[in-house]
Amino acid sequence: MRRLTDSARRARDVLERENSVLSAECEKIAMRDVQRTLSEFFKLSGDISFKVERKGKIVITIAAEADEVKPFGVL
């Protein structure tokens, strides 16, 4: 049963990579940069969720949770 589950997971991962807009390495770099930028303004409480899909146009979805907004003075 475990082999079947592992095989299904590997097949799903291959299909996701084939349909991916970005390479895995590029997605990691983009996610790291977005997280760094958000961290300048917010005290993040964990990792961010970053998803890139092609739906006619490219759709980028970012989700993050923060404990508070960092004080940065008056603009």
PDB file of N, CA and C in Angstrom:
ATOM      1  N   MET A   1       0.819  -1.192   0.000  1.00  0.00           N
ATOM      2  CA  MET A   1       0.000   0.000   0.000  1.00  0.00           C
ATOM      3  C   MET A   1       0.865   1.259   0.000  1.00  0.00           C
ATOM      4  N   ARG A   2       1.969   1.193   0.726  1.00  0.00           N
ATOM      5  CA  ARG A   2       2.851   2.351   0.808  1.00  0.00           C
ATOM      6  C   ARG A   2       3.461   2.677  -0.556  1.00  0.00           C
ATOM      7  N   ARG A   3       3.832   1.629  -1.311  1.00  0.00           N
ATOM      8  CA  ARG A   3       4.398   1.850  -2.642  1.00  0.00           C
ATOM      9  C   ARG A   3       3.403   2.536  -3.561  1.00  0.00           C
ATOM     10  N   LEU A   4       2.148   2.153  -3.461  1.00  0.00           N
ATOM     11  CA  LEU A   4       1.113   2.758  -4.283  1.00  0.00           C
ATOM     12  C   LEU A   4       0.969   4.239  -3.952  1.00  0.00           C
ATOM     13  N   THR A   5       0.965   4.557  -2.686  1.00  0.00           N
ATOM     14  CA  THR A   5       0.862   5.948  -2.254  1.00  0.00           C
ATOM     15  C   THR A   5       2.074   6.750  -2.720  1.00  0.00           C
ATOM     16  N   ASP A   6       3.276   6.176  -2.561  1.00  0.00           N
ATOM     17  CA  ASP A   6       4.495   6.862  -3.010  1.00  0.00           C
ATOM     18  C   ASP A   6       4.486   7.065  -4.517  1.00  0.00           C
ATOM     19  N   SER A   7       4.051   6.071  -5.259  1.00  0.00           N
ATOM     20  CA  SER A   7       3.988   6.182  -6.718  1.00  0.00           C
ATOM     21  C   SER A   7       2.989   7.249  -7.140  1.00  0.00           C
ATOM     22  N   ALA A   8       1.861   7.303  -6.488  1.00  0.00           N
ATOM     23  CA  ALA A   8       0.841   8.304  -6.796  1.00  0.00           C
ATOM     24  C   ALA A   8       1.373   9.700  -6.497  1.00  0.00           C
ATOM     25  N   ARG A   9       2.077   9.848  -5.399  1.00  0.00           N
ATOM     26  CA  ARG A   9       2.648  11.147  -5.026  1.00  0.00           C
ATOM     27  C   ARG A   9       3.693  11.579  -6.055  1.00  0.00           C
ATOM     28  N   ARG A  10       4.557  10.662  -6.465  1.00  0.00           N
ATOM     29  CA  ARG A  10       5.569  10.995  -7.477  1.00  0.00           C
ATOM     30  C   ARG A  10       4.920  11.370  -8.801  1.00  0.00           C
ATOM     31  N   ALA A  11       3.875  10.643  -9.203  1.00  0.00           N
ATOM     32  CA  ALA A  11       3.172  10.948 -10.451  1.00  0.00           C
ATOM     33  C   ALA A  11       2.539  12.335 -10.382  1.00  0.00           C
ATOM     34  N   ARG A  12       1.922  12.661  -9.258  1.00  0.00           N
ATOM     35  CA  ARG A  12       1.317  13.985  -9.079  1.00  0.00           C
ATOM     36  C   ARG A  12       2.376  15.079  -9.170  1.00  0.00           C
ATOM     37  N   ASP A  13       3.539  14.847  -8.536  1.00  0.00           N
ATOM     38  CA  ASP A  13       4.617  15.829  -8.569  1.00  0.00           C
ATOM     39  C   ASP A  13       5.136  16.047  -9.988  1.00  0.00           C
ATOM     40  N   VAL A  14       5.266  14.973 -10.757  1.00  0.00           N
ATOM     41  CA  VAL A  14       5.732  15.088 -12.149  1.00  0.00           C
ATOM     42  C   VAL A  14       4.727  15.886 -12.967  1.00  0.00           C
ATOM     43  N   LEU A  15       3.444  15.600 -12.812  1.00  0.00           N
ATOM     44  CA  LEU A  15       2.416  16.331 -13.550  1.00  0.00           C
ATOM     45  C   LEU A  15       2.388  17.805 -13.168  1.00  0.00           C
ATOM     46  N   GLU A  16       2.557  18.104 -11.896  1.00  0.00           N
ATOM     47  CA  GLU A  16       2.580  19.498 -11.457  1.00  0.00           C
ATOM     48  C   GLU A  16       3.769  20.234 -12.053  1.00  0.00           C
ATOM     49  N   ARG A  17       4.936  19.585 -12.097  1.00  0.00           N
ATOM     50  CA  ARG A  17       6.117  20.221 -12.682  1.00  0.00           C
ATOM     51  C   ARG A  17       5.938  20.452 -14.181  1.00  0.00           C
ATOM     52  N   GLU A  18       5.304  19.506 -14.865  1.00  0.00           N
ATOM     53  CA  GLU A  18       5.079  19.638 -16.305  1.00  0.00           C
ATOM     54  C   GLU A  18       4.174  20.827 -16.626  1.00  0.00           C
ATOM     55  N   ASN A  19       3.197  21.091 -15.771  1.00  0.00           N
ATOM     56  CA  ASN A  19       2.244  22.178 -15.988  1.00  0.00           C
ATOM     57  C   ASN A  19       2.678  23.483 -15.320  1.00  0.00           C
ATOM     58  N   SER A  20       3.809  23.460 -14.665  1.00  0.00           N
ATOM     59  CA  SER A  20       4.277  24.616 -13.912  1.00  0.00           C
ATOM     60  C   SER A  20       4.715  25.745 -14.832  1.00  0.00           C
ATOM     61  N   VAL A  21       4.405  26.963 -14.417  1.00  0.00           N
ATOM     62  CA  VAL A  21       4.814  28.158 -15.153  1.00  0.00           C
ATOM     63  C   VAL A  21       6.291  28.444 -14.884  1.00  0.00           C
ATOM     64  N   LEU A  22       6.729  28.216 -13.651  1.00  0.00           N
ATOM     65  CA  LEU A  22       8.110  28.472 -13.244  1.00  0.00           C
ATOM     66  C   LEU A  22       8.804  27.161 -12.916  1.00  0.00           C
ATOM     67  N   SER A  23      10.106  27.147 -13.088  1.00  0.00           N
ATOM     68  CA  SER A  23      10.873  25.989 -12.628  1.00  0.00           C
ATOM     69  C   SER A  23      10.866  26.006 -11.100  1.00  0.00           C
ATOM     70  N   ALA A  24      11.162  24.874 -10.499  1.00  0.00           N
ATOM     71  CA  ALA A  24      11.171  24.787  -9.034  1.00  0.00           C
ATOM     72  C   ALA A  24      12.191  25.753  -8.434  1.00  0.00           C
ATOM     73  N   GLU A  25      13.354  25.875  -9.073  1.00  0.00           N
ATOM     74  CA  GLU A  25      14.391  26.762  -8.564  1.00  0.00           C
ATOM     75  C   GLU A  25      13.946  28.221  -8.641  1.00  0.00           C
ATOM     76  N   CYS A  26      13.335  28.592  -9.759  1.00  0.00           N
ATOM     77  CA  CYS A  26      12.862  29.968  -9.935  1.00  0.00           C
ATOM     78  C   CYS A  26      11.755  30.289  -8.928  1.00  0.00           C
ATOM     79  N   GLU A  27      10.873  29.326  -8.700  1.00  0.00           N
ATOM     80  CA  GLU A  27       9.794  29.539  -7.733  1.00  0.00           C
ATOM     81  C   GLU A  27      10.359  29.739  -6.325  1.00  0.00           C
ATOM     82  N   LYS A  28      11.385  28.975  -5.948  1.00  0.00           N
ATOM     83  CA  LYS A  28      12.009  29.136  -4.632  1.00  0.00           C
ATOM     84  C   LYS A  28      12.618  30.526  -4.479  1.00  0.00           C
ATOM     85  N   ILE A  29      13.293  30.996  -5.528  1.00  0.00           N
ATOM     86  CA  ILE A  29      13.916  32.323  -5.483  1.00  0.00           C
ATOM     87  C   ILE A  29      12.846  33.406  -5.358  1.00  0.00           C
ATOM     88  N   ALA A  30      11.777  33.296  -6.150  1.00  0.00           N
ATOM     89  CA  ALA A  30      10.699  34.288  -6.098  1.00  0.00           C
ATOM     90  C   ALA A  30      10.039  34.288  -4.721  1.00  0.00           C
ATOM     91  N   MET A  31       9.779  33.090  -4.177  1.00  0.00           N
ATOM     92  CA  MET A  31       9.133  33.000  -2.869  1.00  0.00           C
ATOM     93  C   MET A  31      10.030  33.610  -1.795  1.00  0.00           C
ATOM     94  N   ARG A  32      11.322  33.367  -1.871  1.00  0.00           N
ATOM     95  CA  ARG A  32      12.252  33.934  -0.887  1.00  0.00           C
ATOM     96  C   ARG A  32      12.254  35.462  -0.965  1.00  0.00           C
ATOM     97  N   ASP A  33      12.244  36.000  -2.189  1.00  0.00           N
ATOM     98  CA  ASP A  33      12.231  37.456  -2.352  1.00  0.00           C
ATOM     99  C   ASP A  33      10.929  38.074  -1.838  1.00  0.00           C
ATOM    100  N   VAL A  34       9.798  37.434  -2.124  1.00  0.00           N
ATOM    101  CA  VAL A  34       8.504  37.938  -1.641  1.00  0.00           C
ATOM    102  C   VAL A  34       8.465  37.896  -0.117  1.00  0.00           C
ATOM    103  N   GLN A  35       8.954  36.793   0.464  1.00  0.00           N
ATOM    104  CA  GLN A  35       8.958  36.682   1.919  1.00  0.00           C
ATOM    105  C   GLN A  35       9.860  37.755   2.537  1.00  0.00           C
ATOM    106  N   ARG A  36      10.998  38.012   1.928  1.00  0.00           N
ATOM    107  CA  ARG A  36      11.910  39.046   2.429  1.00  0.00           C
ATOM    108  C   ARG A  36      11.232  40.422   2.376  1.00  0.00           C
ATOM    109  N   THR A  37      10.545  40.706   1.275  1.00  0.00           N
ATOM    110  CA  THR A  37       9.865  42.000   1.131  1.00  0.00           C
ATOM    111  C   THR A  37       8.747  42.152   2.162  1.00  0.00           C
ATOM    112  N   LEU A  38       7.920  41.123   2.319  1.00  0.00           N
ATOM    113  CA  LEU A  38       6.841  41.191   3.311  1.00  0.00           C
ATOM    114  C   LEU A  38       7.401  41.347   4.722  1.00  0.00           C
ATOM    115  N   SER A  39       8.543  40.726   4.989  1.00  0.00           N
ATOM    116  CA  SER A  39       9.158  40.807   6.316  1.00  0.00           C
ATOM    117  C   SER A  39       9.628  42.214   6.650  1.00  0.00           C
ATOM    118  N   GLU A  40       9.838  43.047   5.643  1.00  0.00           N
ATOM    119  CA  GLU A  40      10.230  44.427   5.899  1.00  0.00           C
ATOM    120  C   GLU A  40       9.071  45.241   6.485  1.00  0.00           C
ATOM    121  N   PHE A  41       7.844  44.836   6.203  1.00  0.00           N
ATOM    122  CA  PHE A  41       6.658  45.587   6.639  1.00  0.00           C
ATOM    123  C   PHE A  41       5.855  44.891   7.743  1.00  0.00           C
ATOM    124  N   PHE A  42       5.973  43.567   7.824  1.00  0.00           N
ATOM    125  CA  PHE A  42       5.176  42.794   8.778  1.00  0.00           C
ATOM    126  C   PHE A  42       6.065  41.851   9.569  1.00  0.00           C
ATOM    127  N   LYS A  43       5.618  41.546  10.789  1.00  0.00           N
ATOM    128  CA  LYS A  43       6.263  40.512  11.589  1.00  0.00           C
ATOM    129  C   LYS A  43       5.531  39.210  11.245  1.00  0.00           C
ATOM    130  N   LEU A  44       6.089  38.450  10.306  1.00  0.00           N
ATOM    131  CA  LEU A  44       5.427  37.237   9.827  1.00  0.00           C
ATOM    132  C   LEU A  44       5.434  36.158  10.896  1.00  0.00           C
ATOM    133  N   SER A  45       4.357  35.382  10.934  1.00  0.00           N
ATOM    134  CA  SER A  45       4.255  34.331  11.942  1.00  0.00           C
ATOM    135  C   SER A  45       4.557  32.950  11.364  1.00  0.00           C
ATOM    136  N   GLY A  46       5.016  32.886  10.140  1.00  0.00           N
ATOM    137  CA  GLY A  46       5.366  31.605   9.524  1.00  0.00           C
ATOM    138  C   GLY A  46       5.754  31.805   8.079  1.00  0.00           C
ATOM    139  N   ASP A  47       5.861  30.705   7.363  1.00  0.00           N
ATOM    140  CA  ASP A  47       6.200  30.761   5.949  1.00  0.00           C
ATOM    141  C   ASP A  47       5.021  31.281   5.137  1.00  0.00           C
ATOM    142  N   ILE A  48       5.321  31.775   3.948  1.00  0.00           N
ATOM    143  CA  ILE A  48       4.264  32.248   3.066  1.00  0.00           C
ATOM    144  C   ILE A  48       3.846  31.115   2.135  1.00  0.00           C
ATOM    145  N   SER A  49       2.667  31.263   1.578  1.00  0.00           N
ATOM    146  CA  SER A  49       2.177  30.349   0.553  1.00  0.00           C
ATOM    147  C   SER A  49       2.278  31.092  -0.770  1.00  0.00           C
ATOM    148  N   PHE A  50       2.883  30.456  -1.766  1.00  0.00           N
ATOM    149  CA  PHE A  50       3.159  31.102  -3.038  1.00  0.00           C
ATOM    150  C   PHE A  50       2.766  30.135  -4.145  1.00  0.00           C
ATOM    151  N   LYS A  51       1.859  30.561  -5.015  1.00  0.00           N
ATOM    152  CA  LYS A  51       1.374  29.681  -6.070  1.00  0.00           C
ATOM    153  C   LYS A  51       1.293  30.465  -7.377  1.00  0.00           C
ATOM    154  N   VAL A  52       1.797  29.868  -8.452  1.00  0.00           N
ATOM    155  CA  VAL A  52       1.766  30.495  -9.770  1.00  0.00           C
ATOM    156  C   VAL A  52       1.059  29.536 -10.718  1.00  0.00           C
ATOM    157  N   GLU A  53      -0.004  30.017 -11.373  1.00  0.00           N
ATOM    158  CA  GLU A  53      -0.791  29.184 -12.286  1.00  0.00           C
ATOM    159  C   GLU A  53      -1.020  29.922 -13.592  1.00  0.00           C
ATOM    160  N   ARG A  54      -1.212  29.165 -14.649  1.00  0.00           N
ATOM    161  CA  ARG A  54      -1.582  29.756 -15.931  1.00  0.00           C
ATOM    162  C   ARG A  54      -3.072  29.496 -16.142  1.00  0.00           C
ATOM    163  N   LYS A  55      -3.834  30.572 -16.180  1.00  0.00           N
ATOM    164  CA  LYS A  55      -5.278  30.505 -16.429  1.00  0.00           C
ATOM    165  C   LYS A  55      -5.587  31.543 -17.494  1.00  0.00           C
ATOM    166  N   GLY A  56      -5.133  31.268 -18.715  1.00  0.00           N
ATOM    167  CA  GLY A  56      -5.172  32.297 -19.738  1.00  0.00           C
ATOM    168  C   GLY A  56      -3.985  33.198 -19.504  1.00  0.00           C
ATOM    169  N   LYS A  57      -4.057  34.010 -18.474  1.00  0.00           N
ATOM    170  CA  LYS A  57      -2.919  34.814 -18.016  1.00  0.00           C
ATOM    171  C   LYS A  57      -2.278  34.087 -16.845  1.00  0.00           C
ATOM    172  N   ILE A  58      -1.160  34.582 -16.403  1.00  0.00           N
ATOM    173  CA  ILE A  58      -0.496  33.985 -15.241  1.00  0.00           C
ATOM    174  C   ILE A  58      -1.106  34.579 -13.978  1.00  0.00           C
ATOM    175  N   VAL A  59      -1.552  33.705 -13.085  1.00  0.00           N
ATOM    176  CA  VAL A  59      -2.174  34.118 -11.820  1.00  0.00           C
ATOM    177  C   VAL A  59      -1.207  33.781 -10.689  1.00  0.00           C
ATOM    178  N   ILE A  60      -0.866  34.794  -9.896  1.00  0.00           N
ATOM    179  CA  ILE A  60       0.046  34.628  -8.769  1.00  0.00           C
ATOM    180  C   ILE A  60      -0.741  34.822  -7.487  1.00  0.00           C
ATOM    181  N   THR A  61      -0.708  33.826  -6.628  1.00  0.00           N
ATOM    182  CA  THR A  61      -1.428  33.884  -5.361  1.00  0.00           C
ATOM    183  C   THR A  61      -0.421  33.806  -4.223  1.00  0.00           C
ATOM    184  N   ILE A  62      -0.474  34.793  -3.336  1.00  0.00           N
ATOM    185  CA  ILE A  62       0.433  34.844  -2.188  1.00  0.00           C
ATOM    186  C   ILE A  62      -0.416  34.962  -0.932  1.00  0.00           C
ATOM    187  N   ALA A  63      -0.118  34.122   0.039  1.00  0.00           N
ATOM    188  CA  ALA A  63      -0.820  34.204   1.322  1.00  0.00           C
ATOM    189  C   ALA A  63       0.224  34.170   2.438  1.00  0.00           C
ATOM    190  N   ALA A  64       0.016  35.005   3.433  1.00  0.00           N
ATOM    191  CA  ALA A  64       0.928  35.056   4.571  1.00  0.00           C
ATOM    192  C   ALA A  64       0.146  35.476   5.806  1.00  0.00           C
ATOM    193  N   GLU A  65       0.644  35.063   6.950  1.00  0.00           N
ATOM    194  CA  GLU A  65       0.052  35.484   8.220  1.00  0.00           C
ATOM    195  C   GLU A  65       1.099  36.276   8.989  1.00  0.00           C
ATOM    196  N   ALA A  66       0.645  37.349   9.605  1.00  0.00           N
ATOM    197  CA  ALA A  66       1.556  38.205  10.366  1.00  0.00           C
ATOM    198  C   ALA A  66       0.964  38.485  11.738  1.00  0.00           C
ATOM    199  N   ASP A  67       1.851  38.652  12.696  1.00  0.00           N
ATOM    200  CA  ASP A  67       1.422  38.983  14.054  1.00  0.00           C
ATOM    201  C   ASP A  67       1.165  40.471  14.208  1.00  0.00           C
ATOM    202  N   GLU A  68       1.924  41.278  13.463  1.00  0.00           N
ATOM    203  CA  GLU A  68       1.741  42.726  13.555  1.00  0.00           C
ATOM    204  C   GLU A  68       2.423  43.427  12.392  1.00  0.00           C
ATOM    205  N   VAL A  69       2.054  44.684  12.219  1.00  0.00           N
ATOM    206  CA  VAL A  69       2.706  45.549  11.231  1.00  0.00           C
ATOM    207  C   VAL A  69       3.899  46.171  11.938  1.00  0.00           C
ATOM    208  N   LYS A  70       5.046  46.180  11.262  1.00  0.00           N
ATOM    209  CA  LYS A  70       6.228  46.785  11.857  1.00  0.00           C
ATOM    210  C   LYS A  70       6.096  48.308  11.811  1.00  0.00           C
ATOM    211  N   PRO A  71       6.525  48.974  12.871  1.00  0.00           N
ATOM    212  CA  PRO A  71       6.480  50.438  12.856  1.00  0.00           C
ATOM    213  C   PRO A  71       7.578  50.960  11.940  1.00  0.00           C
ATOM    214  N   PHE A  72       7.204  51.802  11.008  1.00  0.00           N
ATOM    215  CA  PHE A  72       8.207  52.343  10.095  1.00  0.00           C
ATOM    216  C   PHE A  72       8.068  53.833   9.902  1.00  0.00           C
ATOM    217  N   GLY A  73       7.383  54.495  10.793  1.00  0.00           N
ATOM    218  CA  GLY A  73       7.287  55.942  10.748  1.00  0.00           C
ATOM    219  C   GLY A  73       6.242  56.452   9.777  1.00  0.00           C
ATOM    220  N   VAL A  74       6.224  57.754   9.605  1.00  0.00           N
ATOM    221  CA  VAL A  74       5.262  58.419   8.731  1.00  0.00           C
ATOM    222  C   VAL A  74       5.876  58.556   7.357  1.00  0.00           C
ATOM    223  N   LEU A  75       5.093  58.247   6.344  1.00  0.00           N
ATOM    224  CA  LEU A  75       5.580  58.365   4.966  1.00  0.00           C
ATOM    225  C   LEU A  75       5.245  59.719   4.409  1.00  0.00           C
TER     226      LEU A  75
END
